[in-house]
């Protein structure tokens, strides 16, 4: 199942992002990418926030993967996690008219 995860900074996190923590975050994101959990990873062009596409069996699995990120564990960021389903509208193109 696909999930969209939108980063949200937590209050008071501004200057607590260290170089070591950011490197650990990148390493964990790479591990999740190599495991096929993070399928796509972007930053918003208008804000310094990450947008992730995840592939997991359940919402709980997606949340657990995100909670394994060092910045989440440090309480510096959180994610809104949105379950996605395929667009069903194309079926209308092939319905028989009565």
Protein backbone atom coordinates (compact mmCIF):
# COMPACT_ATOMS: atom_id res chain seq x y z
CA UNK A 1 0.00 0.00 0.00
CA UNK A 2 1.24 3.50 -0.79
CA UNK A 3 1.51 6.32 1.74
CA UNK A 4 2.28 9.99 1.37
CA UNK A 5 4.25 11.40 4.29
CA UNK A 6 4.51 15.16 4.72
CA UNK A 7 7.10 16.50 7.14
CA UNK A 8 6.08 18.92 9.84
CA UNK A 9 8.60 20.71 12.04
CA UNK A 10 7.92 20.47 15.73
CA UNK A 11 7.83 23.65 17.85
CA UNK A 12 11.23 24.81 19.08
CA UNK A 13 13.25 22.53 16.78
CA UNK A 14 14.92 25.36 14.82
CA UNK A 15 18.58 25.27 15.86
CA UNK A 16 18.78 21.69 17.15
CA UNK A 17 19.60 20.15 13.73
CA UNK A 18 23.26 19.13 13.98
CA UNK A 19 25.50 17.92 11.15
CA UNK A 20 25.82 14.49 12.80
CA UNK A 21 22.05 14.16 13.21
CA UNK A 22 21.42 15.17 9.61
CA UNK A 23 24.00 12.63 8.40
CA UNK A 24 22.33 9.91 10.49
CA UNK A 25 18.98 10.94 9.00
CA UNK A 26 20.34 10.60 5.46
CA UNK A 27 21.84 7.20 6.29
CA UNK A 28 18.55 5.89 7.70
CA UNK A 29 16.59 7.28 4.75
CA UNK A 30 19.04 5.46 2.44
CA UNK A 31 18.49 2.19 4.35
CA UNK A 32 14.70 2.57 4.06
CA UNK A 33 15.07 3.38 0.36
CA UNK A 34 17.22 0.31 -0.23
CA UNK A 35 14.64 -1.80 1.64
CA UNK A 36 11.94 -0.59 -0.78
CA UNK A 37 10.03 1.29 1.92
CA UNK A 38 10.86 4.83 0.85
CA UNK A 39 10.05 4.85 -2.87
CA UNK A 40 10.47 8.57 -3.49
CA UNK A 41 11.92 11.38 -1.40
CA UNK A 42 11.62 15.08 -2.18
CA UNK A 43 11.90 18.47 -0.57
CA UNK A 44 9.25 21.08 -1.18
CA UNK A 45 10.46 23.88 -3.44
CA UNK A 46 8.74 26.51 -1.30
CA UNK A 47 9.72 25.27 2.18
CA UNK A 48 12.42 23.18 3.80
CA UNK A 49 10.14 20.16 4.35
CA UNK A 50 10.43 16.59 3.10
CA UNK A 51 7.75 14.74 1.17
CA UNK A 52 8.07 10.95 1.07
CA UNK A 53 6.26 8.23 -0.84
CA UNK A 54 6.30 4.98 1.12
CA UNK A 55 5.35 1.41 0.24
CA UNK A 56 4.27 -0.54 3.33
CA UNK A 57 1.80 -3.26 4.25
CA UNK A 58 -0.11 -1.04 6.68
CA UNK A 59 -0.38 2.43 8.15
CA UNK A 60 1.24 1.11 11.32
CA UNK A 61 4.22 -0.14 9.29
CA UNK A 62 4.55 3.22 7.55
CA UNK A 63 4.46 5.06 10.86
CA UNK A 64 7.03 2.67 12.35
CA UNK A 65 9.38 3.29 9.43
CA UNK A 66 9.05 7.05 9.83
CA UNK A 67 9.53 6.79 13.59
CA UNK A 68 12.87 5.06 12.94
CA UNK A 69 14.26 8.26 11.41
CA UNK A 70 16.72 10.03 13.74
CA UNK A 71 15.07 13.45 13.37
CA UNK A 72 11.72 11.95 14.36
CA UNK A 73 13.29 10.08 17.29
CA UNK A 74 14.92 13.35 18.43
CA UNK A 75 11.52 15.06 18.34
CA UNK A 76 12.62 17.59 15.71
CA UNK A 77 10.15 16.62 13.00
CA UNK A 78 6.94 14.65 12.64
CA UNK A 79 5.03 13.39 9.63
CA UNK A 80 1.43 13.53 8.52
CA UNK A 81 0.98 10.07 6.99
CA UNK A 82 -1.75 9.69 4.39
CA UNK A 83 -2.84 6.29 2.99
CA UNK A 84 -3.42 6.33 -0.77
CA UNK A 85 -5.49 4.19 -3.10
CA UNK A 86 -5.45 4.05 -6.87
CA UNK A 87 -7.68 6.49 -8.73
CA UNK A 88 -10.89 4.57 -9.58
CA UNK A 89 -12.23 7.04 -12.15
CA UNK A 90 -10.69 5.41 -15.21
CA UNK A 91 -13.21 2.58 -14.89
CA UNK A 92 -15.87 5.07 -16.02
CA UNK A 93 -14.22 5.14 -19.42
CA UNK A 94 -15.00 1.49 -19.98
CA UNK A 95 -18.48 1.20 -18.51
CA UNK A 96 -21.13 0.11 -20.93
CA UNK A 97 -23.97 2.55 -21.38
CA UNK A 98 -27.44 1.19 -20.84
